[in-house]
Amino acid sequence: MHYIIQVYQDGVLQYLFNTRMLVQDVSLAKLFSAPALAKRYLSKSVFYKGNWSVVSIDENGVIRNTTATYMHGIMP
């Protein structure tokens, strides 16, 4: 199980690629082994004060858990 960071910005749900860039393809999102690691990485990101959540994905890149482990702001 891996975790990714979803960012809701300008009406579009995107995924964190690095601390300064978002992508729309889940397969390009940066993977984390634990939710706490994802949150720590995101804290250094320019997107930290926006609307974001940490969700789990399976080995095929499918989002498994739509309930966020960590969340900030209002997600759709």
PDB file of N, CA and C in Angstrom:
ATOM      1  N   MET A   1       0.844  -1.173   0.000  1.00  0.00           N
ATOM      2  CA  MET A   1       0.000   0.000   0.000  1.00  0.00           C
ATOM      3  C   MET A   1       0.892   1.241   0.000  1.00  0.00           C
ATOM      4  N   HIS A   2       0.551   2.172  -0.868  1.00  0.00           N
ATOM      5  CA  HIS A   2       1.255   3.444  -0.951  1.00  0.00           C
ATOM      6  C   HIS A   2       0.261   4.575  -0.738  1.00  0.00           C
ATOM      7  N   TYR A   3       0.786   5.751  -0.560  1.00  0.00           N
ATOM      8  CA  TYR A   3      -0.035   6.936  -0.332  1.00  0.00           C
ATOM      9  C   TYR A   3       0.380   8.028  -1.305  1.00  0.00           C
ATOM     10  N   ILE A   4      -0.603   8.821  -1.716  1.00  0.00           N
ATOM     11  CA  ILE A   4      -0.348   9.963  -2.588  1.00  0.00           C
ATOM     12  C   ILE A   4      -1.055  11.175  -1.999  1.00  0.00           C
ATOM     13  N   ILE A   5      -0.714  12.332  -2.523  1.00  0.00           N
ATOM     14  CA  ILE A   5      -1.317  13.579  -2.064  1.00  0.00           C
ATOM     15  C   ILE A   5      -2.184  14.142  -3.181  1.00  0.00           C
ATOM     16  N   GLN A   6      -3.465  14.353  -2.856  1.00  0.00           N
ATOM     17  CA  GLN A   6      -4.385  14.989  -3.790  1.00  0.00           C
ATOM     18  C   GLN A   6      -4.452  16.471  -3.436  1.00  0.00           C
ATOM     19  N   VAL A   7      -4.440  17.319  -4.448  1.00  0.00           N
ATOM     20  CA  VAL A   7      -4.554  18.760  -4.233  1.00  0.00           C
ATOM     21  C   VAL A   7      -5.720  19.263  -5.071  1.00  0.00           C
ATOM     22  N   TYR A   8      -6.655  19.960  -4.425  1.00  0.00           N
ATOM     23  CA  TYR A   8      -7.800  20.532  -5.123  1.00  0.00           C
ATOM     24  C   TYR A   8      -7.509  22.012  -5.337  1.00  0.00           C
ATOM     25  N   GLN A   9      -7.278  22.372  -6.603  1.00  0.00           N
ATOM     26  CA  GLN A   9      -6.877  23.740  -6.916  1.00  0.00           C
ATOM     27  C   GLN A   9      -7.595  24.217  -8.167  1.00  0.00           C
ATOM     28  N   ASP A  10      -8.186  25.391  -8.086  1.00  0.00           N
ATOM     29  CA  ASP A  10      -8.884  26.005  -9.223  1.00  0.00           C
ATOM     30  C   ASP A  10      -9.961  25.089  -9.799  1.00  0.00           C
ATOM     31  N   GLY A  11     -10.673  24.380  -8.931  1.00  0.00           N
ATOM     32  CA  GLY A  11     -11.760  23.512  -9.363  1.00  0.00           C
ATOM     33  C   GLY A  11     -11.331  22.192  -9.969  1.00  0.00           C
ATOM     34  N   VAL A  12     -10.043  21.861  -9.881  1.00  0.00           N
ATOM     35  CA  VAL A  12      -9.518  20.631 -10.479  1.00  0.00           C
ATOM     36  C   VAL A  12      -8.784  19.823  -9.414  1.00  0.00           C
ATOM     37  N   LEU A  13      -9.042  18.519  -9.397  1.00  0.00           N
ATOM     38  CA  LEU A  13      -8.334  17.619  -8.496  1.00  0.00           C
ATOM     39  C   LEU A  13      -7.063  17.141  -9.184  1.00  0.00           C
ATOM     40  N   GLN A  14      -5.910  17.406  -8.576  1.00  0.00           N
ATOM     41  CA  GLN A  14      -4.620  17.029  -9.144  1.00  0.00           C
ATOM     42  C   GLN A  14      -3.804  16.297  -8.090  1.00  0.00           C
ATOM     43  N   TYR A  15      -2.647  15.803  -8.482  1.00  0.00           N
ATOM     44  CA  TYR A  15      -1.809  14.995  -7.600  1.00  0.00           C
ATOM     45  C   TYR A  15      -0.414  15.595  -7.528  1.00  0.00           C
ATOM     46  N   LEU A  16       0.188  15.523  -6.352  1.00  0.00           N
ATOM     47  CA  LEU A  16       1.508  16.110  -6.146  1.00  0.00           C
ATOM     48  C   LEU A  16       2.584  15.278  -6.832  1.00  0.00           C
ATOM     49  N   PHE A  17       3.370  15.929  -7.681  1.00  0.00           N
ATOM     50  CA  PHE A  17       4.502  15.295  -8.358  1.00  0.00           C
ATOM     51  C   PHE A  17       5.799  15.613  -7.619  1.00  0.00           C
ATOM     52  N   ASN A  18       5.957  16.862  -7.242  1.00  0.00           N
ATOM     53  CA  ASN A  18       7.068  17.293  -6.388  1.00  0.00           C
ATOM     54  C   ASN A  18       6.598  18.513  -5.607  1.00  0.00           C
ATOM     55  N   THR A  19       7.483  19.174  -4.898  1.00  0.00           N
ATOM     56  CA  THR A  19       7.050  20.266  -4.022  1.00  0.00           C
ATOM     57  C   THR A  19       6.508  21.479  -4.767  1.00  0.00           C
ATOM     58  N   ARG A  20       6.728  21.554  -6.072  1.00  0.00           N
ATOM     59  CA  ARG A  20       6.279  22.723  -6.833  1.00  0.00           C
ATOM     60  C   ARG A  20       5.435  22.406  -8.058  1.00  0.00           C
ATOM     61  N   MET A  21       5.115  21.145  -8.283  1.00  0.00           N
ATOM     62  CA  MET A  21       4.396  20.792  -9.504  1.00  0.00           C
ATOM     63  C   MET A  21       3.300  19.763  -9.224  1.00  0.00           C
ATOM     64  N   LEU A  22       2.153  19.978  -9.875  1.00  0.00           N
ATOM     65  CA  LEU A  22       1.031  19.052  -9.796  1.00  0.00           C
ATOM     66  C   LEU A  22       0.839  18.375 -11.144  1.00  0.00           C
ATOM     67  N   VAL A  23       0.295  17.159 -11.122  1.00  0.00           N
ATOM     68  CA  VAL A  23      -0.035  16.433 -12.347  1.00  0.00           C
ATOM     69  C   VAL A  23      -1.470  15.941 -12.242  1.00  0.00           C
ATOM     70  N   GLN A  24      -2.090  15.651 -13.381  1.00  0.00           N
ATOM     71  CA  GLN A  24      -3.461  15.155 -13.374  1.00  0.00           C
ATOM     72  C   GLN A  24      -3.532  13.638 -13.478  1.00  0.00           C
ATOM     73  N   ASP A  25      -2.422  12.990 -13.755  1.00  0.00           N
ATOM     74  CA  ASP A  25      -2.366  11.535 -13.899  1.00  0.00           C
ATOM     75  C   ASP A  25      -1.876  10.905 -12.591  1.00  0.00           C
ATOM     76  N   VAL A  26      -2.686  10.023 -12.015  1.00  0.00           N
ATOM     77  CA  VAL A  26      -2.341   9.368 -10.749  1.00  0.00           C
ATOM     78  C   VAL A  26      -1.033   8.596 -10.862  1.00  0.00           C
ATOM     79  N   SER A  27      -0.764   8.007 -12.018  1.00  0.00           N
ATOM     80  CA  SER A  27       0.444   7.192 -12.172  1.00  0.00           C
ATOM     81  C   SER A  27       1.732   8.018 -12.079  1.00  0.00           C
ATOM     82  N   LEU A  28       1.638   9.333 -12.239  1.00  0.00           N
ATOM     83  CA  LEU A  28       2.814  10.198 -12.134  1.00  0.00           C
ATOM     84  C   LEU A  28       3.000  10.792 -10.741  1.00  0.00           C
ATOM     85  N   ALA A  29       2.048  10.575  -9.861  1.00  0.00           N
ATOM     86  CA  ALA A  29       2.108  11.154  -8.514  1.00  0.00           C
ATOM     87  C   ALA A  29       3.249  10.546  -7.707  1.00  0.00           C
ATOM     88  N   LYS A  30       3.822  11.349  -6.837  1.00  0.00           N
ATOM     89  CA  LYS A  30       4.892  10.877  -5.956  1.00  0.00           C
ATOM     90  C   LYS A  30       4.297   9.917  -4.939  1.00  0.00           C
ATOM     91  N   LEU A  31       4.930   8.751  -4.777  1.00  0.00           N
ATOM     92  CA  LEU A  31       4.452   7.724  -3.852  1.00  0.00           C
ATOM     93  C   LEU A  31       5.157   7.838  -2.508  1.00  0.00           C
ATOM     94  N   PHE A  32       4.405   7.562  -1.453  1.00  0.00           N
ATOM     95  CA  PHE A  32       4.942   7.561  -0.098  1.00  0.00           C
ATOM     96  C   PHE A  32       4.573   6.249   0.568  1.00  0.00           C
ATOM     97  N   SER A  33       5.442   5.772   1.448  1.00  0.00           N
ATOM     98  CA  SER A  33       5.198   4.497   2.124  1.00  0.00           C
ATOM     99  C   SER A  33       4.330   4.651   3.363  1.00  0.00           C
ATOM    100  N   ALA A  34       4.180   5.860   3.868  1.00  0.00           N
ATOM    101  CA  ALA A  34       3.366   6.104   5.062  1.00  0.00           C
ATOM    102  C   ALA A  34       2.710   7.481   4.951  1.00  0.00           C
ATOM    103  N   PRO A  35       1.512   7.632   5.517  1.00  0.00           N
ATOM    104  CA  PRO A  35       0.836   8.925   5.449  1.00  0.00           C
ATOM    105  C   PRO A  35       1.618  10.049   6.130  1.00  0.00           C
ATOM    106  N   ALA A  36       2.294   9.735   7.220  1.00  0.00           N
ATOM    107  CA  ALA A  36       3.063  10.764   7.927  1.00  0.00           C
ATOM    108  C   ALA A  36       4.218  11.287   7.067  1.00  0.00           C
ATOM    109  N   LEU A  37       4.833  10.415   6.283  1.00  0.00           N
ATOM    110  CA  LEU A  37       5.905  10.848   5.378  1.00  0.00           C
ATOM    111  C   LEU A  37       5.360  11.770   4.293  1.00  0.00           C
ATOM    112  N   ALA A  38       4.172  11.444   3.793  1.00  0.00           N
ATOM    113  CA  ALA A  38       3.543  12.284   2.776  1.00  0.00           C
ATOM    114  C   ALA A  38       3.246  13.668   3.338  1.00  0.00           C
ATOM    115  N   LYS A  39       2.716  13.708   4.549  1.00  0.00           N
ATOM    116  CA  LYS A  39       2.390  14.993   5.162  1.00  0.00           C
ATOM    117  C   LYS A  39       3.654  15.811   5.423  1.00  0.00           C
ATOM    118  N   ARG A  40       4.718  15.166   5.859  1.00  0.00           N
ATOM    119  CA  ARG A  40       5.973  15.879   6.112  1.00  0.00           C
ATOM    120  C   ARG A  40       6.545  16.451   4.806  1.00  0.00           C
ATOM    121  N   TYR A  41       6.495  15.665   3.723  1.00  0.00           N
ATOM    122  CA  TYR A  41       6.966  16.139   2.417  1.00  0.00           C
ATOM    123  C   TYR A  41       6.118  17.324   1.956  1.00  0.00           C
ATOM    124  N   LEU A  42       4.809  17.202   2.129  1.00  0.00           N
ATOM    125  CA  LEU A  42       3.902  18.262   1.702  1.00  0.00           C
ATOM    126  C   LEU A  42       4.123  19.547   2.494  1.00  0.00           C
ATOM    127  N   SER A  43       4.553  19.437   3.737  1.00  0.00           N
ATOM    128  CA  SER A  43       4.767  20.634   4.556  1.00  0.00           C
ATOM    129  C   SER A  43       5.849  21.541   3.969  1.00  0.00           C
ATOM    130  N   LYS A  44       6.699  21.001   3.114  1.00  0.00           N
ATOM    131  CA  LYS A  44       7.741  21.785   2.447  1.00  0.00           C
ATOM    132  C   LYS A  44       7.292  22.270   1.065  1.00  0.00           C
ATOM    133  N   SER A  45       6.062  21.966   0.715  1.00  0.00           N
ATOM    134  CA  SER A  45       5.537  22.268  -0.605  1.00  0.00           C
ATOM    135  C   SER A  45       4.848  23.629  -0.642  1.00  0.00           C
ATOM    136  N   VAL A  46       4.763  24.200  -1.834  1.00  0.00           N
ATOM    137  CA  VAL A  46       4.034  25.456  -2.019  1.00  0.00           C
ATOM    138  C   VAL A  46       2.516  25.246  -1.932  1.00  0.00           C
ATOM    139  N   PHE A  47       2.067  24.001  -1.931  1.00  0.00           N
ATOM    140  CA  PHE A  47       0.637  23.689  -1.894  1.00  0.00           C
ATOM    141  C   PHE A  47       0.128  23.386  -0.487  1.00  0.00           C
ATOM    142  N   TYR A  48       0.979  23.488   0.522  1.00  0.00           N
ATOM    143  CA  TYR A  48       0.628  23.073   1.883  1.00  0.00           C
ATOM    144  C   TYR A  48      -0.551  23.848   2.464  1.00  0.00           C
ATOM    145  N   LYS A  49      -0.676  25.123   2.144  1.00  0.00           N
ATOM    146  CA  LYS A  49      -1.751  25.930   2.719  1.00  0.00           C
ATOM    147  C   LYS A  49      -3.042  25.847   1.920  1.00  0.00           C
ATOM    148  N   GLY A  50      -3.041  25.081   0.849  1.00  0.00           N
ATOM    149  CA  GLY A  50      -4.233  24.928   0.026  1.00  0.00           C
ATOM    150  C   GLY A  50      -5.106  23.776   0.499  1.00  0.00           C
ATOM    151  N   ASN A  51      -5.954  23.300  -0.385  1.00  0.00           N
ATOM    152  CA  ASN A  51      -6.845  22.173  -0.100  1.00  0.00           C
ATOM    153  C   ASN A  51      -6.176  20.888  -0.562  1.00  0.00           C
ATOM    154  N   TRP A  52      -5.891  19.982   0.364  1.00  0.00           N
ATOM    155  CA  TRP A  52      -5.189  18.748   0.027  1.00  0.00           C
ATOM    156  C   TRP A  52      -5.621  17.617   0.949  1.00  0.00           C
ATOM    157  N   SER A  53      -5.341  16.401   0.516  1.00  0.00           N
ATOM    158  CA  SER A  53      -5.586  15.223   1.348  1.00  0.00           C
ATOM    159  C   SER A  53      -4.579  14.139   0.974  1.00  0.00           C
ATOM    160  N   VAL A  54      -4.319  13.248   1.921  1.00  0.00           N
ATOM    161  CA  VAL A  54      -3.440  12.102   1.705  1.00  0.00           C
ATOM    162  C   VAL A  54      -4.335  10.874   1.621  1.00  0.00           C
ATOM    163  N   VAL A  55      -4.293  10.163   0.498  1.00  0.00           N
ATOM    164  CA  VAL A  55      -5.127   8.976   0.299  1.00  0.00           C
ATOM    165  C   VAL A  55      -4.252   7.788  -0.093  1.00  0.00           C
ATOM    166  N   SER A  56      -4.769   6.593   0.128  1.00  0.00           N
ATOM    167  CA  SER A  56      -4.009   5.381  -0.199  1.00  0.00           C
ATOM    168  C   SER A  56      -4.362   4.889  -1.599  1.00  0.00           C
ATOM    169  N   ILE A  57      -3.374   4.263  -2.244  1.00  0.00           N
ATOM    170  CA  ILE A  57      -3.583   3.649  -3.551  1.00  0.00           C
ATOM    171  C   ILE A  57      -3.011   2.236  -3.513  1.00  0.00           C
ATOM    172  N   ASP A  58      -3.502   1.376  -4.409  1.00  0.00           N
ATOM    173  CA  ASP A  58      -2.974   0.012  -4.474  1.00  0.00           C
ATOM    174  C   ASP A  58      -1.825  -0.057  -5.480  1.00  0.00           C
ATOM    175  N   GLU A  59      -1.301  -1.254  -5.686  1.00  0.00           N
ATOM    176  CA  GLU A  59      -0.144  -1.421  -6.574  1.00  0.00           C
ATOM    177  C   GLU A  59      -0.469  -1.141  -8.040  1.00  0.00           C
ATOM    178  N   ASN A  60      -1.760  -1.105  -8.391  1.00  0.00           N
ATOM    179  CA  ASN A  60      -2.164  -0.801  -9.764  1.00  0.00           C
ATOM    180  C   ASN A  60      -2.422   0.688  -9.982  1.00  0.00           C
ATOM    181  N   GLY A  61      -2.246   1.487  -8.934  1.00  0.00           N
ATOM    182  CA  GLY A  61      -2.462   2.920  -9.052  1.00  0.00           C
ATOM    183  C   GLY A  61      -3.897   3.358  -8.870  1.00  0.00           C
ATOM    184  N   VAL A  62      -4.737   2.470  -8.344  1.00  0.00           N
ATOM    185  CA  VAL A  62      -6.142   2.791  -8.115  1.00  0.00           C
ATOM    186  C   VAL A  62      -6.305   3.300  -6.685  1.00  0.00           C
ATOM    187  N   ILE A  63      -7.004   4.414  -6.538  1.00  0.00           N
ATOM    188  CA  ILE A  63      -7.229   4.961  -5.200  1.00  0.00           C
ATOM    189  C   ILE A  63      -8.131   4.010  -4.434  1.00  0.00           C
ATOM    190  N   ARG A  64      -7.628   3.492  -3.324  1.00  0.00           N
ATOM    191  CA  ARG A  64      -8.342   2.489  -2.528  1.00  0.00           C
ATOM    192  C   ARG A  64      -9.195   3.128  -1.440  1.00  0.00           C
ATOM    193  N   ASN A  65      -8.680   4.145  -0.829  1.00  0.00           N
ATOM    194  CA  ASN A  65      -9.347   4.741   0.311  1.00  0.00           C
ATOM    195  C   ASN A  65      -9.688   6.181  -0.026  1.00  0.00           C
ATOM    196  N   THR A  66     -10.969   6.455  -0.185  1.00  0.00           N
ATOM    197  CA  THR A  66     -11.362   7.821  -0.508  1.00  0.00           C
ATOM    198  C   THR A  66     -11.469   8.676   0.747  1.00  0.00           C
ATOM    199  N   THR A  67     -11.406   8.054   1.917  1.00  0.00           N
ATOM    200  CA  THR A  67     -11.383   8.809   3.161  1.00  0.00           C
ATOM    201  C   THR A  67      -9.941   9.210   3.439  1.00  0.00           C
ATOM    202  N   ALA A  68      -9.701  10.469   3.513  1.00  0.00           N
ATOM    203  CA  ALA A  68      -8.337  10.971   3.661  1.00  0.00           C
ATOM    204  C   ALA A  68      -7.758  10.631   5.024  1.00  0.00           C
ATOM    205  N   THR A  69      -6.484  10.265   5.031  1.00  0.00           N
ATOM    206  CA  THR A  69      -5.762  10.050   6.274  1.00  0.00           C
ATOM    207  C   THR A  69      -5.473  11.391   6.926  1.00  0.00           C
ATOM    208  N   TYR A  70      -4.975  12.325   6.150  1.00  0.00           N
ATOM    209  CA  TYR A  70      -4.789  13.707   6.583  1.00  0.00           C
ATOM    210  C   TYR A  70      -5.530  14.580   5.594  1.00  0.00           C
ATOM    211  N   MET A  71      -5.995  15.730   6.069  1.00  0.00           N
ATOM    212  CA  MET A  71      -6.751  16.586   5.163  1.00  0.00           C
ATOM    213  C   MET A  71      -6.638  18.035   5.622  1.00  0.00           C
ATOM    214  N   HIS A  72      -6.582  18.945   4.681  1.00  0.00           N
ATOM    215  CA  HIS A  72      -6.575  20.369   4.986  1.00  0.00           C
ATOM    216  C   HIS A  72      -7.476  21.072   3.985  1.00  0.00           C
ATOM    217  N   GLY A  73      -8.326  21.927   4.461  1.00  0.00           N
ATOM    218  CA  GLY A  73      -9.228  22.643   3.575  1.00  0.00           C
ATOM    219  C   GLY A  73     -10.444  21.791   3.245  1.00  0.00           C
ATOM    220  N   ILE A  74     -11.183  22.217   2.270  1.00  0.00           N
ATOM    221  CA  ILE A  74     -12.414  21.526   1.885  1.00  0.00           C
ATOM    222  C   ILE A  74     -12.188  20.803   0.568  1.00  0.00           C
ATOM    223  N   MET A  75     -12.384  19.501   0.582  1.00  0.00           N
ATOM    224  CA  MET A  75     -12.253  18.700  -0.639  1.00  0.00           C
ATOM    225  C   MET A  75     -13.644  18.474  -1.221  1.00  0.00           C
ATOM    226  N   PRO A  76     -13.739  18.314  -2.526  1.00  0.00           N
ATOM    227  CA  PRO A  76     -15.059  18.099  -3.163  1.00  0.00           C
ATOM    228  C   PRO A  76     -15.637  16.741  -2.810  1.00  0.00           C
TER     229      PRO A  76
END
